[in-house]
Amino acid sequence: MMFAAHVVVVVTAALNALSAGMDLAGSRFVLANAEANGVPLRWVPVLGGLKGAAALGLLAGLAGLTWLWVAAAAGLLVFFAGAVVVHARAGTWSTAPAPACFLALAATSLWLALAG
């Protein structure tokens, strides 16, 4: 089970790091998505920073800091639950699957951290 946990956490961290990079770079897709969902554009770098910090926290958890793994996964769970709600409220169903998948990865990462 530890191998599966490592794979899930590394994939979750990598995808969140990629997403954070896109946020911090001001990707057109990210900015258009934020605007469509009513998210102020000045929040995008902050949200990217949070995702990047969580990605680092997940990897630190694999290095033995289990409490950081739990905190990062829990933070991502709350973050992406909020993102799903934002998409639902805005009715942007075409882009809603992405945060839903990130939410599932965060929930799985948290479950694995707590089960470990």
Protein backbone atom coordinates (compact mmCIF):
# COMPACT_ATOMS: atom_id res chain seq x y z
CA MET A 1 0.00 0.00 0.00
CA MET A 2 2.92 2.37 0.63
CA PHE A 3 3.89 2.26 -3.06
CA ALA A 4 0.36 3.24 -4.07
CA ALA A 5 0.37 6.02 -1.49
CA HIS A 6 3.63 7.38 -2.87
CA VAL A 7 2.33 7.29 -6.44
CA VAL A 8 -0.91 9.08 -5.54
CA VAL A 9 0.87 11.72 -3.48
CA VAL A 10 3.58 12.34 -6.08
CA VAL A 11 0.95 12.68 -8.83
CA THR A 12 -1.12 15.01 -6.63
CA ALA A 13 1.93 17.11 -5.80
CA ALA A 14 3.08 17.24 -9.44
CA LEU A 15 -0.32 18.29 -10.77
CA ASN A 16 -0.70 20.94 -8.09
CA ALA A 17 2.81 22.24 -8.78
CA LEU A 18 1.99 22.46 -12.49
CA SER A 19 -1.27 24.25 -11.72
CA ALA A 20 0.53 26.62 -9.34
CA GLY A 21 3.07 27.41 -12.04
CA MET A 22 0.30 28.23 -14.49
CA ASP A 23 -1.33 30.49 -11.89
CA LEU A 24 1.90 32.27 -11.05
CA ALA A 25 2.76 32.70 -14.73
CA GLY A 26 -0.62 34.30 -15.41
CA SER A 27 -1.63 31.74 -18.03
CA ARG A 28 -4.40 33.03 -20.32
CA PHE A 29 -6.49 29.93 -19.63
CA VAL A 30 -6.20 30.42 -15.88
CA LEU A 31 -7.09 34.10 -16.05
CA ALA A 32 -10.06 33.46 -18.34
CA ASN A 33 -11.25 30.67 -16.04
CA ALA A 34 -10.93 32.90 -12.97
CA GLU A 35 -12.86 35.67 -14.69
CA ALA A 36 -15.61 33.27 -15.83
CA ASN A 37 -16.01 32.08 -12.25
CA GLY A 38 -16.04 35.54 -10.70
CA VAL A 39 -12.67 35.13 -9.00
CA PRO A 40 -10.77 38.43 -8.78
CA LEU A 41 -7.64 38.25 -10.93
CA ARG A 42 -5.49 39.58 -8.09
CA TRP A 43 -6.28 36.34 -6.20
CA VAL A 44 -4.77 34.10 -8.89
CA PRO A 45 -1.13 34.40 -7.72
CA VAL A 46 -2.20 33.85 -4.11
CA LEU A 47 -4.15 30.75 -5.06
CA GLY A 48 -1.14 29.54 -7.04
CA GLY A 49 1.09 30.09 -4.04
CA LEU A 50 -1.24 28.04 -1.86
CA LYS A 51 -1.25 25.16 -4.35
CA GLY A 52 2.53 25.31 -4.64
CA ALA A 53 3.00 25.28 -0.88
CA ALA A 54 0.64 22.33 -0.57
CA ALA A 55 2.57 20.43 -3.26
CA LEU A 56 5.78 20.95 -1.28
CA GLY A 57 3.98 19.88 1.90
CA LEU A 58 2.87 16.63 0.31
CA LEU A 59 6.41 15.83 -0.78
CA ALA A 60 7.78 16.73 2.65
CA GLY A 61 5.25 14.31 4.08
CA LEU A 62 6.71 11.52 2.00
CA ALA A 63 10.11 12.44 3.40
CA GLY A 64 8.87 11.69 6.91
CA LEU A 65 6.99 14.80 8.02
CA THR A 66 3.63 13.06 8.17
CA TRP A 67 1.95 15.97 9.95
CA LEU A 68 2.85 18.16 6.97
CA TRP A 69 1.41 15.58 4.57
CA VAL A 70 -1.85 15.63 6.54
CA ALA A 71 -1.93 19.44 6.69
CA ALA A 72 -1.18 19.85 2.97
CA ALA A 73 -3.74 17.25 1.91
CA ALA A 74 -6.39 18.72 4.21
CA GLY A 75 -5.65 22.20 2.87
CA LEU A 76 -6.02 20.99 -0.71
CA LEU A 77 -9.25 19.23 0.20
CA VAL A 78 -10.76 22.47 1.50
CA PHE A 79 -9.27 24.47 -1.39
CA PHE A 80 -10.74 22.26 -4.10
CA ALA A 81 -14.07 21.79 -2.33
CA GLY A 82 -14.30 25.57 -2.49
CA ALA A 83 -13.30 25.52 -6.16
CA VAL A 84 -16.06 23.03 -6.96
CA VAL A 85 -18.57 25.26 -5.16
CA VAL A 86 -17.31 28.32 -7.08
CA HIS A 87 -17.75 26.49 -10.39
CA ALA A 88 -21.22 25.28 -9.40
CA ARG A 89 -22.33 28.78 -8.38
CA ALA A 90 -20.98 30.25 -11.62
CA GLY A 91 -22.49 27.45 -13.71
CA THR A 92 -19.18 26.84 -15.48
CA TRP A 93 -19.75 23.12 -15.92
CA SER A 94 -17.27 22.74 -18.79
CA THR A 95 -14.33 23.53 -16.51
CA ALA A 96 -15.74 21.97 -13.31
CA PRO A 97 -14.26 18.47 -13.85
CA ALA A 98 -10.70 19.71 -13.25
CA PRO A 99 -11.26 20.93 -9.68
CA ALA A 100 -13.39 17.83 -9.02
CA CYS A 101 -10.46 15.60 -10.02
CA PHE A 102 -8.06 17.65 -7.89
CA LEU A 103 -10.54 17.31 -5.02
CA ALA A 104 -10.57 13.53 -5.42
CA LEU A 105 -6.76 13.42 -5.43
CA ALA A 106 -6.61 15.61 -2.31
CA ALA A 107 -9.16 13.42 -0.51
CA THR A 108 -7.23 10.28 -1.46
CA SER A 109 -3.94 11.82 -0.33
CA LEU A 110 -5.46 12.77 3.00
CA TRP A 111 -6.96 9.31 3.47
CA LEU A 112 -3.60 7.69 2.71
CA ALA A 113 -1.80 10.02 5.13
CA LEU A 114 -4.23 9.18 7.93
CA ALA A 115 -4.22 5.45 7.12
CA GLY A 116 -0.41 5.32 6.96
